[in-house]
Amino acid sequence: MAKTFRQMVAEARSEVEVLSPQDAQQRIQQGNALVVDVREPTDLNPLGIIPGALNVPLGVLPLRADQELPEHLREPKLQDRDQQVITTCGGGGQAALAAKLLKDMGFNKVAMIDGGTTGWKNAGLPVQQA
């Protein structure tokens, strides 16, 4: 049976760790988390991006995180399956799909930010222009 975007997001959220913006910030400040913003580069502003986040659009995330594709297609920061990865997007939906995708690809410590970058910004946490 066909699934809607909302159904896919709900399914993904049930399979990955969902962090409050504050909990995500705490993990980032501990220095052991990579934040991956999966929005398209043209969608990063005016909302902004979490400082230090790596922008890898959802559509190319499986390519960039793959360990068997040619090196020029891979993102070096997405090769360690044991690092903490926290996904975000504009509102959280694509971040959920991205977190599940990374989990399916063998990442052991994947989480998403509840509400995405909008939730982060609404919590009073810093963003920067991309």
C-alpha atoms as a PDB file:
ATOM      1  CA  MET A   1       0.000   0.000   0.000  1.00  0.00           C
ATOM      2  CA  ALA A   2       1.253   3.472  -0.854  1.00  0.00           C
ATOM      3  CA  LYS A   3       2.446   5.687   1.980  1.00  0.00           C
ATOM      4  CA  THR A   4       2.122   9.426   2.328  1.00  0.00           C
ATOM      5  CA  PHE A   5       4.989  11.707   3.341  1.00  0.00           C
ATOM      6  CA  ARG A   6       3.463  12.060   6.804  1.00  0.00           C
ATOM      7  CA  GLN A   7       3.171   8.296   7.195  1.00  0.00           C
ATOM      8  CA  MET A   8       6.807   7.821   6.167  1.00  0.00           C
ATOM      9  CA  VAL A   9       7.904  10.515   8.629  1.00  0.00           C
ATOM     10  CA  ALA A  10       5.888   8.945  11.473  1.00  0.00           C
ATOM     11  CA  GLU A  11       7.407   5.548  10.703  1.00  0.00           C
ATOM     12  CA  ALA A  12      10.917   7.001  10.588  1.00  0.00           C
ATOM     13  CA  ARG A  13      10.420   8.909  13.871  1.00  0.00           C
ATOM     14  CA  SER A  14       9.396   5.673  15.573  1.00  0.00           C
ATOM     15  CA  GLU A  15      12.695   4.075  14.550  1.00  0.00           C
ATOM     16  CA  VAL A  16      15.190   6.809  15.456  1.00  0.00           C
ATOM     17  CA  GLU A  17      16.050   8.867  18.511  1.00  0.00           C
ATOM     18  CA  VAL A  18      14.235  12.216  18.558  1.00  0.00           C
ATOM     19  CA  LEU A  19      16.100  14.945  20.457  1.00  0.00           C
ATOM     20  CA  SER A  20      14.771  18.215  21.770  1.00  0.00           C
ATOM     21  CA  PRO A  21      16.726  21.189  20.419  1.00  0.00           C
ATOM     22  CA  GLN A  22      18.264  21.631  23.870  1.00  0.00           C
ATOM     23  CA  ASP A  23      19.398  18.000  24.052  1.00  0.00           C
ATOM     24  CA  ALA A  24      20.839  18.270  20.551  1.00  0.00           C
ATOM     25  CA  GLN A  25      22.732  21.422  21.532  1.00  0.00           C
ATOM     26  CA  GLN A  26      24.156  19.651  24.574  1.00  0.00           C
ATOM     27  CA  ARG A  27      25.471  16.792  22.416  1.00  0.00           C
ATOM     28  CA  ILE A  28      26.933  19.255  19.929  1.00  0.00           C
ATOM     29  CA  GLN A  29      28.663  21.188  22.725  1.00  0.00           C
ATOM     30  CA  GLN A  30      30.213  17.957  23.987  1.00  0.00           C
ATOM     31  CA  GLY A  31      32.070  17.987  20.671  1.00  0.00           C
ATOM     32  CA  ASN A  32      31.203  14.512  19.477  1.00  0.00           C
ATOM     33  CA  ALA A  33      28.237  15.122  17.184  1.00  0.00           C
ATOM     34  CA  LEU A  34      28.005  15.912  13.494  1.00  0.00           C
ATOM     35  CA  VAL A  35      24.890  17.885  12.529  1.00  0.00           C
ATOM     36  CA  VAL A  36      23.687  17.169   9.004  1.00  0.00           C
ATOM     37  CA  ASP A  37      21.155  19.593   7.507  1.00  0.00           C
ATOM     38  CA  VAL A  38      19.391  17.782   4.655  1.00  0.00           C
ATOM     39  CA  ARG A  39      17.681  20.782   3.044  1.00  0.00           C
ATOM     40  CA  GLU A  40      18.552  21.897  -0.463  1.00  0.00           C
ATOM     41  CA  PRO A  41      21.156  24.707  -0.418  1.00  0.00           C
ATOM     42  CA  THR A  42      18.584  27.117  -1.874  1.00  0.00           C
ATOM     43  CA  ASP A  43      16.287  26.435   1.095  1.00  0.00           C
ATOM     44  CA  LEU A  44      18.787  27.248   3.870  1.00  0.00           C
ATOM     45  CA  ASN A  45      18.001  30.975   4.051  1.00  0.00           C
ATOM     46  CA  PRO A  46      16.127  32.907   5.428  1.00  0.00           C
ATOM     47  CA  LEU A  47      15.744  30.352   8.271  1.00  0.00           C
ATOM     48  CA  GLY A  48      19.507  29.906   8.508  1.00  0.00           C
ATOM     49  CA  ILE A  49      21.572  26.899   9.479  1.00  0.00           C
ATOM     50  CA  ILE A  50      22.789  25.535  12.792  1.00  0.00           C
ATOM     51  CA  PRO A  51      26.401  26.699  13.273  1.00  0.00           C
ATOM     52  CA  GLY A  52      28.819  24.000  12.186  1.00  0.00           C
ATOM     53  CA  ALA A  53      26.181  21.921  10.403  1.00  0.00           C
ATOM     54  CA  LEU A  54      27.122  20.029   7.264  1.00  0.00           C
ATOM     55  CA  ASN A  55      24.676  20.591   4.401  1.00  0.00           C
ATOM     56  CA  VAL A  56      23.989  17.374   2.487  1.00  0.00           C
ATOM     57  CA  PRO A  57      20.627  17.419   0.668  1.00  0.00           C
ATOM     58  CA  LEU A  58      18.402  14.407   1.367  1.00  0.00           C
ATOM     59  CA  GLY A  59      18.457  13.382  -2.293  1.00  0.00           C
ATOM     60  CA  VAL A  60      22.223  12.836  -2.296  1.00  0.00           C
ATOM     61  CA  LEU A  61      22.657  11.698   1.312  1.00  0.00           C
ATOM     62  CA  PRO A  62      22.787   7.969   0.465  1.00  0.00           C
ATOM     63  CA  LEU A  63      25.542   8.664  -2.073  1.00  0.00           C
ATOM     64  CA  ARG A  64      27.578  10.854   0.261  1.00  0.00           C
ATOM     65  CA  ALA A  65      27.286   8.395   3.166  1.00  0.00           C
ATOM     66  CA  ASP A  66      28.098   5.289   1.123  1.00  0.00           C
ATOM     67  CA  GLN A  67      31.403   3.560   1.782  1.00  0.00           C
ATOM     68  CA  GLU A  68      31.688   1.675  -1.496  1.00  0.00           C
ATOM     69  CA  LEU A  69      31.090   4.340  -4.118  1.00  0.00           C
ATOM     70  CA  PRO A  70      34.053   6.137  -5.693  1.00  0.00           C
ATOM     71  CA  GLU A  71      35.723   8.513  -3.257  1.00  0.00           C
ATOM     72  CA  HIS A  72      34.785  11.649  -5.199  1.00  0.00           C
ATOM     73  CA  LEU A  73      31.082  10.911  -4.527  1.00  0.00           C
ATOM     74  CA  ARG A  74      31.514  10.380  -0.785  1.00  0.00           C
ATOM     75  CA  GLU A  75      31.520  12.903   2.056  1.00  0.00           C
ATOM     76  CA  PRO A  76      34.540  12.174   4.290  1.00  0.00           C
ATOM     77  CA  LYS A  77      32.657  13.324   7.399  1.00  0.00           C
ATOM     78  CA  LEU A  78      30.021  10.622   6.773  1.00  0.00           C
ATOM     79  CA  GLN A  79      32.291   7.589   6.703  1.00  0.00           C
ATOM     80  CA  ASP A  80      32.526   6.787  10.437  1.00  0.00           C
ATOM     81  CA  ARG A  81      29.551   4.598  11.346  1.00  0.00           C
ATOM     82  CA  ASP A  82      30.204   5.046  15.082  1.00  0.00           C
ATOM     83  CA  GLN A  83      30.115   8.849  15.243  1.00  0.00           C
ATOM     84  CA  GLN A  84      27.046  10.637  16.605  1.00  0.00           C
ATOM     85  CA  VAL A  85      25.055  12.095  13.701  1.00  0.00           C
ATOM     86  CA  ILE A  86      22.136  14.463  14.298  1.00  0.00           C
ATOM     87  CA  THR A  87      19.928  15.283  11.338  1.00  0.00           C
ATOM     88  CA  THR A  88      17.914  18.453  10.825  1.00  0.00           C
ATOM     89  CA  CYS A  89      15.910  20.161   8.094  1.00  0.00           C
ATOM     90  CA  GLY A  90      13.374  22.980   8.060  1.00  0.00           C
ATOM     91  CA  GLY A  91      10.639  21.400  10.171  1.00  0.00           C
ATOM     92  CA  GLY A  92      11.735  17.874  11.045  1.00  0.00           C
ATOM     93  CA  GLY A  93      10.082  15.696   8.393  1.00  0.00           C
ATOM     94  CA  GLN A  94      13.041  15.293   6.085  1.00  0.00           C
ATOM     95  CA  ALA A  95      15.344  14.994   9.101  1.00  0.00           C
ATOM     96  CA  ALA A  96      13.354  11.942  10.234  1.00  0.00           C
ATOM     97  CA  LEU A  97      13.693  10.328   6.808  1.00  0.00           C
ATOM     98  CA  ALA A  98      17.414  11.141   6.742  1.00  0.00           C
ATOM     99  CA  ALA A  99      18.011   9.694  10.217  1.00  0.00           C
ATOM    100  CA  LYS A 100      16.242   6.459   9.285  1.00  0.00           C
ATOM    101  CA  LEU A 101      18.193   6.281   6.035  1.00  0.00           C
ATOM    102  CA  LEU A 102      21.501   6.648   7.884  1.00  0.00           C
ATOM    103  CA  LYS A 103      20.413   4.055  10.439  1.00  0.00           C
ATOM    104  CA  ASP A 104      19.557   1.691   7.592  1.00  0.00           C
ATOM    105  CA  MET A 105      23.035   2.336   6.160  1.00  0.00           C
ATOM    106  CA  GLY A 106      24.655   1.134   9.372  1.00  0.00           C
ATOM    107  CA  PHE A 107      25.155   4.300  11.402  1.00  0.00           C
ATOM    108  CA  ASN A 108      24.972   3.313  15.066  1.00  0.00           C
ATOM    109  CA  LYS A 109      24.316   6.678  16.749  1.00  0.00           C
ATOM    110  CA  VAL A 110      21.748   8.586  14.726  1.00  0.00           C
ATOM    111  CA  ALA A 111      19.229  11.074  16.050  1.00  0.00           C
ATOM    112  CA  MET A 112      17.110  13.897  14.695  1.00  0.00           C
ATOM    113  CA  ILE A 113      16.165  17.311  16.061  1.00  0.00           C
ATOM    114  CA  ASP A 114      12.483  17.548  16.918  1.00  0.00           C
ATOM    115  CA  GLY A 115      11.059  20.384  14.848  1.00  0.00           C
ATOM    116  CA  GLY A 116      14.215  20.673  12.754  1.00  0.00           C
ATOM    117  CA  THR A 117      15.976  23.999  12.451  1.00  0.00           C
ATOM    118  CA  THR A 118      12.677  25.808  13.042  1.00  0.00           C
ATOM    119  CA  GLY A 119      12.385  24.066  16.432  1.00  0.00           C
ATOM    120  CA  TRP A 120      16.025  24.908  17.138  1.00  0.00           C
ATOM    121  CA  LYS A 121      15.511  28.585  16.278  1.00  0.00           C
ATOM    122  CA  ASN A 122      12.201  28.766  18.223  1.00  0.00           C
ATOM    123  CA  ALA A 123      14.059  27.411  21.279  1.00  0.00           C
ATOM    124  CA  GLY A 124      16.239  30.520  21.120  1.00  0.00           C
ATOM    125  CA  LEU A 125      19.312  28.666  19.897  1.00  0.00           C
ATOM    126  CA  PRO A 126      21.730  30.269  17.420  1.00  0.00           C
ATOM    127  CA  VAL A 127      21.544  30.010  13.648  1.00  0.00           C
ATOM    128  CA  GLN A 128      23.760  31.555  11.014  1.00  0.00           C
ATOM    129  CA  GLN A 129      23.265  32.480   7.392  1.00  0.00           C
ATOM    130  CA  ALA A 130      24.396  29.765   5.018  1.00  0.00           C
END
